[in-house]
């Protein structure tokens, strides 16, 4: 199976996510530490991997590179409205021999690699910055508008979100600890806007007020949190790229006010 949950059942009903060994017919392997991982993928003649720019670590000699936007309209929507790159990188077998070629991808920030089989999760919605790459051609990314203006402005996900369709294998960036929860019909859970990684198409995205002025202005919670309503599976992670940028930018003395030194 492409993913499993370990035996750690948290009090909240969440499960700690861990990757299982890929099935015998799989063409990929994930290696590395929890801090930063690498996925190695085998390419047979006619096969291609699509990935985010800057994610390629190495490739063998029989792999050729290409790039496109997936259509100008889709590229602009993805870049301007859904927080993804304008261009997509393609790593394709050059078909000059029957050899099996190798490529390796790695996230652009410290993260785990989360494989998702779209045969099980067709229509999956992912947060901005979550997409790392995809194996094969039987998949596509579509841009879906959120349900309301309030959700667009206050849920931290923007006006558009990325949805994945097809039956291929896709790979997500999951920063820090990755957890999953299966929501029952009508069950609600509130998550920090930076903590949402992905959710099934049956889950509804909404917003909930954090509380009064003290909570909003002084407890760093903002005015709204993200609310998810079941049924369906939800993935969350503890250190998204946006949260990592906030943590690095908040380092004391980072402004460089004493760079002049003393004589």
Protein backbone atom coordinates (compact mmCIF):
# COMPACT_ATOMS: atom_id res chain seq x y z
CA UNK A 1 0.00 0.00 0.00
CA UNK A 2 1.21 3.56 -0.64
CA UNK A 3 0.78 4.69 2.95
CA UNK A 4 -0.02 3.32 6.36
CA UNK A 5 -0.73 4.56 9.83
CA UNK A 6 1.39 3.26 12.68
CA UNK A 7 -0.01 1.84 15.92
CA UNK A 8 0.17 5.19 17.74
CA UNK A 9 -3.44 6.19 18.30
CA UNK A 10 -3.54 9.68 19.78
CA UNK A 11 -6.16 10.85 22.29
CA UNK A 12 -7.71 13.08 19.60
CA UNK A 13 -8.27 10.17 17.21
CA UNK A 14 -5.35 11.19 15.01
CA UNK A 15 -2.80 8.61 13.86
CA UNK A 16 0.89 9.28 13.34
CA UNK A 17 1.62 8.76 9.65
CA UNK A 18 4.54 6.59 8.56
CA UNK A 19 5.37 5.33 5.08
CA UNK A 20 5.33 1.61 4.52
CA UNK A 21 7.68 -0.26 2.24
CA UNK A 22 6.43 0.19 -1.34
CA UNK A 23 4.72 -2.79 -2.99
CA UNK A 24 6.87 -5.15 -5.05
CA UNK A 25 5.63 -3.70 -8.34
CA UNK A 26 6.39 -0.10 -7.28
CA UNK A 27 9.05 1.89 -9.12
CA UNK A 28 10.09 4.11 -6.22
CA UNK A 29 11.83 4.06 -2.86
CA UNK A 30 11.88 6.72 -0.14
CA UNK A 31 15.05 7.05 1.91
CA UNK A 32 16.54 9.52 4.37
CA UNK A 33 15.78 10.83 7.83
CA UNK A 34 12.62 12.39 9.19
CA UNK A 35 14.28 15.77 8.76
CA UNK A 36 14.78 15.50 4.99
CA UNK A 37 13.99 12.69 2.59
CA UNK A 38 14.78 11.61 -0.97
CA UNK A 39 12.62 9.59 -3.34
CA UNK A 40 14.37 7.47 -5.98
CA UNK A 41 12.20 6.54 -8.96
CA UNK A 42 12.83 4.05 -11.75
CA UNK A 43 11.86 5.16 -15.24
CA UNK A 44 11.10 2.56 -17.89
CA UNK A 45 10.82 3.46 -21.60
CA UNK A 46 7.84 5.76 -22.15
CA UNK A 47 7.58 6.81 -18.51
CA UNK A 48 7.78 10.36 -17.16
CA UNK A 49 7.83 12.07 -13.78
CA UNK A 50 6.44 15.58 -13.33
CA UNK A 51 7.92 17.59 -10.46
CA UNK A 52 8.15 21.03 -8.95
CA UNK A 53 11.17 23.13 -10.08
CA UNK A 54 14.27 22.80 -7.86
CA UNK A 55 13.21 19.33 -6.66
CA UNK A 56 15.54 17.24 -8.87
CA UNK A 57 18.53 15.88 -6.93
CA UNK A 58 20.11 13.64 -9.58
CA UNK A 59 19.26 11.62 -12.67
CA UNK A 60 20.94 8.97 -14.79
CA UNK A 61 22.25 9.60 -18.30
CA UNK A 62 19.20 8.32 -20.17
CA UNK A 63 16.79 10.88 -18.72
CA UNK A 64 15.86 14.05 -20.57
CA UNK A 65 14.43 17.22 -19.05
CA UNK A 66 11.50 19.30 -20.23
CA UNK A 67 9.24 22.01 -18.88
CA UNK A 68 5.79 23.44 -19.54
CA UNK A 69 3.01 25.40 -17.87
CA UNK A 70 0.25 22.88 -18.50
CA UNK A 71 -1.53 25.57 -20.48
CA UNK A 72 -1.18 29.31 -19.99
CA UNK A 73 -4.47 29.73 -18.14
CA UNK A 74 -3.82 26.83 -15.79
CA UNK A 75 -0.25 27.95 -15.19
CA UNK A 76 -1.27 31.48 -14.26
CA UNK A 77 -4.06 30.28 -11.97
CA UNK A 78 -1.71 27.80 -10.31
CA UNK A 79 0.98 30.44 -9.81
CA UNK A 80 -1.08 33.49 -8.90
CA UNK A 81 -4.01 31.93 -7.06
CA UNK A 82 -3.03 28.49 -5.76
CA UNK A 83 0.51 29.10 -4.51
CA UNK A 84 2.30 26.73 -6.90
CA UNK A 85 4.97 27.24 -9.54
CA UNK A 86 4.19 28.65 -12.97
CA UNK A 87 6.25 25.95 -14.71
CA UNK A 88 6.43 22.20 -14.20
CA UNK A 89 9.57 20.10 -14.62
CA UNK A 90 9.36 16.84 -16.60
CA UNK A 91 11.93 14.05 -16.24
CA UNK A 92 11.36 11.55 -19.03
CA UNK A 93 13.03 8.39 -20.29
CA UNK A 94 14.72 9.25 -23.59
CA UNK A 95 13.56 5.93 -25.16
CA UNK A 96 16.93 5.40 -26.82
CA UNK A 97 17.34 2.03 -25.11
CA UNK A 98 15.40 -0.45 -22.99
CA UNK A 99 17.40 0.42 -19.90
CA UNK A 100 15.80 1.37 -16.60
CA UNK A 101 16.82 4.92 -15.72
CA UNK A 102 16.94 6.46 -12.24
CA UNK A 103 15.98 9.87 -10.90
CA UNK A 104 15.80 11.32 -7.40
CA UNK A 105 13.62 14.12 -6.06
CA UNK A 106 13.80 15.91 -2.72
CA UNK A 107 11.64 18.62 -1.14
CA UNK A 108 12.92 22.20 -1.30
CA UNK A 109 12.59 22.49 2.50
CA UNK A 110 13.06 19.97 5.37
CA UNK A 111 10.15 17.58 4.91
CA UNK A 112 8.97 14.01 4.66
CA UNK A 113 7.71 12.64 1.35
CA UNK A 114 4.10 11.42 1.48
CA UNK A 115 3.07 9.09 -1.38
CA UNK A 116 -0.61 9.10 -2.31
CA UNK A 117 -2.30 6.62 -4.66
CA UNK A 118 -4.94 8.55 -6.60
CA UNK A 119 -6.79 5.32 -7.29
CA UNK A 120 -7.79 5.53 -3.62
CA UNK A 121 -7.98 9.32 -3.27
CA UNK A 122 -9.11 10.70 -6.62
CA UNK A 123 -10.14 14.35 -6.20
CA UNK A 124 -7.80 14.94 -3.25
CA UNK A 125 -7.38 18.61 -2.28
CA UNK A 126 -3.87 19.70 -1.28
CA UNK A 127 -2.61 22.87 0.36
CA UNK A 128 -0.30 25.32 -1.40
CA UNK A 129 3.32 24.14 -1.50
CA UNK A 130 2.36 20.52 -0.81
CA UNK A 131 2.94 19.12 -4.31
CA UNK A 132 6.37 17.54 -4.94
CA UNK A 133 5.88 15.34 -7.98
CA UNK A 134 3.87 12.65 -9.76
CA UNK A 135 4.70 9.41 -11.55
CA UNK A 136 3.09 8.64 -14.89
CA UNK A 137 0.69 10.49 -17.17
CA UNK A 138 -2.69 9.35 -15.82
CA UNK A 139 -3.22 12.29 -13.47
CA UNK A 140 -3.87 16.01 -13.58
CA UNK A 141 -4.03 19.04 -11.31
CA UNK A 142 -7.17 21.16 -11.41
CA UNK A 143 -7.79 24.52 -9.75
CA UNK A 144 -10.93 24.64 -7.62
CA UNK A 145 -12.44 27.78 -6.10
CA UNK A 146 -13.27 27.58 -2.40
CA UNK A 147 -16.93 27.64 -1.41
CA UNK A 148 -17.20 31.19 -0.06
CA UNK A 149 -15.44 34.55 0.04
CA UNK A 150 -15.07 34.24 3.82
CA UNK A 151 -13.26 30.92 3.43
CA UNK A 152 -11.05 32.40 0.71
CA UNK A 153 -10.05 35.38 2.84
CA UNK A 154 -9.89 33.83 6.29
CA UNK A 155 -9.12 30.09 6.07
CA UNK A 156 -5.52 30.69 5.03
CA UNK A 157 -5.84 28.65 1.84
CA UNK A 158 -6.54 31.44 -0.68
CA UNK A 159 -9.27 31.73 -3.28
CA UNK A 160 -8.22 28.62 -5.22
CA UNK A 161 -6.97 25.23 -4.09
CA UNK A 162 -5.26 22.43 -6.00
CA UNK A 163 -7.16 19.20 -6.57
CA UNK A 164 -5.54 16.03 -7.92
CA UNK A 165 -7.39 13.69 -10.28
CA UNK A 166 -6.60 10.42 -12.04
CA UNK A 167 -5.11 7.09 -11.02
CA UNK A 168 -1.39 7.81 -10.80
CA UNK A 169 0.99 8.00 -7.84
CA UNK A 170 1.68 11.48 -6.51
CA UNK A 171 4.09 12.68 -3.81
CA UNK A 172 3.54 15.46 -1.26
CA UNK A 173 5.85 17.50 1.00
CA UNK A 174 4.94 16.91 4.66
CA UNK A 175 6.94 19.07 7.07
CA UNK A 176 7.65 17.89 10.62
CA UNK A 177 5.26 15.27 11.98
CA UNK A 178 2.49 14.12 9.62
CA UNK A 179 -0.78 12.91 11.12
CA UNK A 180 -4.07 11.64 9.69
CA UNK A 181 -7.63 11.52 10.99
CA UNK A 182 -10.70 9.85 9.53
CA UNK A 183 -13.65 12.16 10.10
CA UNK A 184 -17.11 10.70 10.50
CA UNK A 185 -20.08 12.24 8.69
CA UNK A 186 -20.72 15.66 10.22
CA UNK A 187 -17.68 15.47 12.51
CA UNK A 188 -15.78 18.74 12.76
CA UNK A 189 -12.19 19.54 13.59
CA UNK A 190 -10.45 22.92 13.78
CA UNK A 191 -6.83 23.16 12.61
CA UNK A 192 -4.35 25.98 12.34
CA UNK A 193 -4.32 27.39 8.81
CA UNK A 194 -0.62 26.47 8.44
CA UNK A 195 -1.16 22.89 9.60
CA UNK A 196 -3.43 21.59 6.84
CA UNK A 197 -1.71 19.34 4.28
CA UNK A 198 -4.52 17.60 2.34
CA UNK A 199 -8.06 16.29 2.60
CA UNK A 200 -10.43 14.03 0.67
CA UNK A 201 -12.99 15.45 -1.72
CA UNK A 202 -15.80 14.46 0.67
CA UNK A 203 -14.48 16.85 3.37
CA UNK A 204 -15.89 20.39 3.53
CA UNK A 205 -13.55 23.33 4.20
CA UNK A 206 -14.90 26.18 6.30
CA UNK A 207 -13.77 28.73 8.93
CA UNK A 208 -14.36 29.34 12.63
CA UNK A 209 -13.65 32.46 14.68
CA UNK A 210 -10.80 32.04 17.12
CA UNK A 211 -12.38 34.10 19.90
CA UNK A 212 -12.17 37.62 21.27
CA UNK A 213 -9.72 40.44 20.64
CA UNK A 214 -7.15 39.10 23.12
CA UNK A 215 -6.99 35.73 21.33
CA UNK A 216 -6.89 37.38 17.90
CA UNK A 217 -4.33 40.10 18.62
CA UNK A 218 -2.24 38.78 21.51
CA UNK A 219 -2.21 34.98 21.21
CA UNK A 220 -1.02 34.87 17.57
CA UNK A 221 -4.13 32.96 16.46
CA UNK A 222 -5.52 35.53 14.06
CA UNK A 223 -9.21 36.12 13.56
CA UNK A 224 -10.17 32.72 12.08
CA UNK A 225 -8.99 29.11 12.08
CA UNK A 226 -9.66 26.46 9.44
CA UNK A 227 -12.58 24.11 10.08
CA UNK A 228 -12.93 20.73 8.38
CA UNK A 229 -16.23 18.84 8.30
CA UNK A 230 -16.43 15.10 7.54
CA UNK A 231 -16.80 12.57 6.23
CA UNK A 232 -13.33 11.84 4.90
CA UNK A 233 -9.63 11.56 5.62
CA UNK A 234 -7.54 14.59 6.61
CA UNK A 235 -3.76 14.98 6.63
CA UNK A 236 -2.06 17.61 8.83
CA UNK A 237 1.61 18.43 9.36
CA UNK A 238 3.42 20.36 12.07
CA UNK A 239 5.99 22.36 10.08
CA UNK A 240 4.69 23.63 6.76
CA UNK A 241 6.88 25.82 4.58
CA UNK A 242 4.96 28.94 5.64
CA UNK A 243 5.39 28.10 9.34
CA UNK A 244 9.09 27.36 8.80
CA UNK A 245 9.54 30.76 7.17
CA UNK A 246 7.85 32.42 10.13
CA UNK A 247 10.08 30.57 12.60
CA UNK A 248 13.29 31.46 10.74
CA UNK A 249 12.21 35.08 10.34
CA UNK A 250 11.46 35.35 14.06
CA UNK A 251 15.03 34.48 15.16
CA UNK A 252 16.19 37.19 17.62
CA UNK A 253 18.86 39.44 16.17
CA UNK A 254 18.00 38.42 12.62
CA UNK A 255 17.77 42.03 11.54
CA UNK A 256 21.53 42.34 11.51
CA UNK A 257 21.63 45.57 13.49
CA UNK A 258 25.15 44.88 14.84
CA UNK A 259 26.79 43.86 11.58
CA UNK A 260 29.00 46.91 11.56
CA UNK A 261 31.20 45.63 14.37
CA UNK A 262 33.48 47.63 16.61
CA UNK A 263 36.97 48.86 15.90
